[in-house]
Amino acid sequence: SMAVDTACSSSLVAVHLACNSIWQGESTLALVGGVNLLLSPVITINFTKAGFMANDGRCKTFDARANGYVRGEGAGVIVLKPLSQALSDGDPIYAVIRGSAVNQDGRTNGLMAPNRWAQEAVLRQAYRKAG
């Protein structure tokens, strides 16, 4: 059992860690979960004051009319195991993860301005691992 807290990326980092454990033979099955609960209004209030929140309460990802984002609660769990084991067990297979990578770049212009070079590097690393 392991808890991962890397803010917005926690669930994906947990998937990455679980995949590495499976790929390295440390485990044969992993339950990976993530949850986000809005237990205090403080962050939403501060983000609203800073102009980060969408005025109409709707996310418009990749839309020219996008004017902010909306916070939400949610939870999810996935089961990961080696493909060969899933096939022999007759499990339904919804996706195959062939590679993953994680990085960070604390020396950026801030949380809302990610470093494009770091993002490119982590994508290239994941693609390399995927073959």
Protein backbone atom coordinates (compact mmCIF):
# COMPACT_ATOMS: atom_id res chain seq x y z
CA SER A 1 0.00 0.00 0.00
CA MET A 2 1.30 3.42 -0.94
CA ALA A 3 -0.14 6.94 -0.89
CA VAL A 4 0.94 9.38 -3.61
CA ASP A 5 0.42 13.13 -3.38
CA THR A 6 1.76 15.05 -6.35
CA ALA A 7 -1.19 17.45 -6.61
CA CYS A 8 -2.97 17.24 -9.98
CA SER A 9 -0.76 14.44 -11.24
CA SER A 10 -1.21 12.07 -8.27
CA SER A 11 -3.34 9.46 -10.05
CA LEU A 12 -1.08 9.33 -13.10
CA VAL A 13 2.04 9.11 -10.95
CA ALA A 14 0.39 6.23 -9.05
CA VAL A 15 -0.29 4.47 -12.38
CA HIS A 16 3.34 5.03 -13.40
CA LEU A 17 4.64 3.58 -10.12
CA ALA A 18 2.32 0.58 -10.36
CA CYS A 19 3.35 -0.11 -13.97
CA ASN A 20 7.01 0.04 -13.03
CA SER A 21 6.40 -2.39 -10.17
CA ILE A 22 4.71 -4.81 -12.57
CA TRP A 23 7.30 -4.37 -15.33
CA GLN A 24 10.13 -5.03 -12.85
CA GLY A 25 8.43 -8.15 -11.50
CA GLU A 26 7.88 -6.71 -8.02
CA SER A 27 4.13 -7.29 -8.23
CA THR A 28 1.67 -9.13 -10.44
CA LEU A 29 -1.41 -7.00 -9.79
CA ALA A 30 -2.04 -3.42 -8.72
CA LEU A 31 -5.15 -1.53 -7.69
CA VAL A 32 -4.57 2.12 -8.50
CA GLY A 33 -7.01 4.70 -7.23
CA GLY A 34 -7.36 8.41 -7.10
CA VAL A 35 -9.75 10.78 -5.42
CA ASN A 36 -10.30 14.53 -5.28
CA LEU A 37 -12.50 16.06 -2.60
CA LEU A 38 -13.20 19.77 -2.21
CA LEU A 39 -13.31 19.89 1.58
CA SER A 40 -12.77 23.63 1.92
CA PRO A 41 -13.93 26.55 -0.22
CA VAL A 42 -10.68 28.49 0.36
CA ILE A 43 -8.88 27.40 -2.83
CA THR A 44 -11.95 27.96 -5.00
CA ILE A 45 -12.43 31.42 -3.50
CA ASN A 46 -8.78 32.34 -4.09
CA PHE A 47 -8.80 30.93 -7.63
CA THR A 48 -11.97 32.88 -8.38
CA LYS A 49 -10.39 36.11 -7.11
CA ALA A 50 -7.31 35.39 -9.25
CA GLY A 51 -9.47 34.90 -12.36
CA PHE A 52 -8.66 31.19 -12.84
CA MET A 53 -12.26 29.95 -12.60
CA ALA A 54 -14.69 29.94 -15.56
CA ASN A 55 -17.31 32.64 -15.05
CA ASP A 56 -20.10 30.41 -16.38
CA GLY A 57 -19.03 27.36 -14.37
CA ARG A 58 -18.21 25.31 -17.49
CA CYS A 59 -14.90 23.93 -18.75
CA LYS A 60 -14.35 24.45 -22.46
CA THR A 61 -11.17 22.49 -23.05
CA PHE A 62 -9.45 23.27 -26.39
CA ASP A 63 -12.22 25.77 -27.21
CA ALA A 64 -11.48 29.34 -28.28
CA ARG A 65 -14.23 30.45 -25.86
CA ALA A 66 -12.46 28.90 -22.85
CA ASN A 67 -12.36 31.38 -19.98
CA GLY A 68 -11.10 29.35 -17.02
CA TYR A 69 -11.65 26.02 -15.43
CA VAL A 70 -14.04 24.40 -12.98
CA ARG A 71 -13.08 22.40 -9.91
CA GLY A 72 -14.78 19.09 -9.27
CA GLU A 73 -14.84 16.04 -7.07
CA GLY A 74 -14.34 12.49 -8.24
CA ALA A 75 -12.84 9.09 -7.59
CA GLY A 76 -11.71 6.16 -9.69
CA VAL A 77 -9.87 2.85 -9.45
CA ILE A 78 -8.22 0.71 -12.12
CA VAL A 79 -6.77 -2.80 -11.98
CA LEU A 80 -3.36 -3.29 -13.59
CA LYS A 81 -1.66 -6.60 -14.31
CA PRO A 82 0.72 -7.99 -16.92
CA LEU A 83 -0.98 -8.43 -20.30
CA SER A 84 -0.06 -12.11 -20.45
CA GLN A 85 -1.73 -12.69 -17.08
CA ALA A 86 -4.85 -10.74 -18.05
CA LEU A 87 -5.16 -12.78 -21.25
CA SER A 88 -4.73 -16.11 -19.46
CA ASP A 89 -7.24 -15.05 -16.78
CA GLY A 90 -9.78 -14.06 -19.46
CA ASP A 91 -10.02 -10.53 -18.09
CA PRO A 92 -11.64 -7.79 -20.18
CA ILE A 93 -8.81 -5.57 -21.44
CA TYR A 94 -9.68 -1.91 -21.89
CA ALA A 95 -6.17 -0.57 -22.54
CA VAL A 96 -2.53 -1.59 -22.62
CA ILE A 97 0.07 0.71 -21.08
CA ARG A 98 3.29 0.22 -23.01
CA GLY A 99 5.34 3.01 -21.43
CA SER A 100 5.15 5.82 -18.93
CA ALA A 101 7.38 8.50 -17.50
CA VAL A 102 7.27 11.14 -14.80
CA ASN A 103 9.29 14.30 -14.34
CA GLN A 104 9.08 17.67 -12.67
CA ASP A 105 10.52 21.05 -13.40
CA GLY A 106 10.32 23.31 -10.40
CA ARG A 107 12.23 26.07 -12.15
CA THR A 108 9.41 27.36 -14.33
CA ASN A 109 7.38 30.53 -14.52
CA GLY A 110 4.89 28.95 -12.14
CA LEU A 111 2.16 26.34 -11.90
CA MET A 112 0.07 27.90 -14.65
CA ALA A 113 3.03 28.17 -17.06
CA PRO A 114 4.51 24.68 -17.47
CA ASN A 115 7.91 24.25 -19.09
CA ARG A 116 7.41 23.05 -22.66
CA TRP A 117 10.91 21.55 -22.78
CA ALA A 118 10.23 19.44 -19.68
CA GLN A 119 6.91 18.30 -21.15
CA GLU A 120 8.60 17.32 -24.40
CA ALA A 121 11.30 15.44 -22.50
CA VAL A 122 8.82 13.41 -20.43
CA LEU A 123 6.79 12.53 -23.53
CA ARG A 124 9.91 11.40 -25.38
CA GLN A 125 10.94 9.29 -22.37
CA ALA A 126 7.52 7.61 -22.25
CA TYR A 127 7.61 6.95 -26.01
CA ARG A 128 11.09 5.41 -25.69
CA LYS A 129 9.91 3.12 -22.90
CA ALA A 130 6.89 2.15 -25.01
CA GLY A 131 9.18 1.10 -27.84
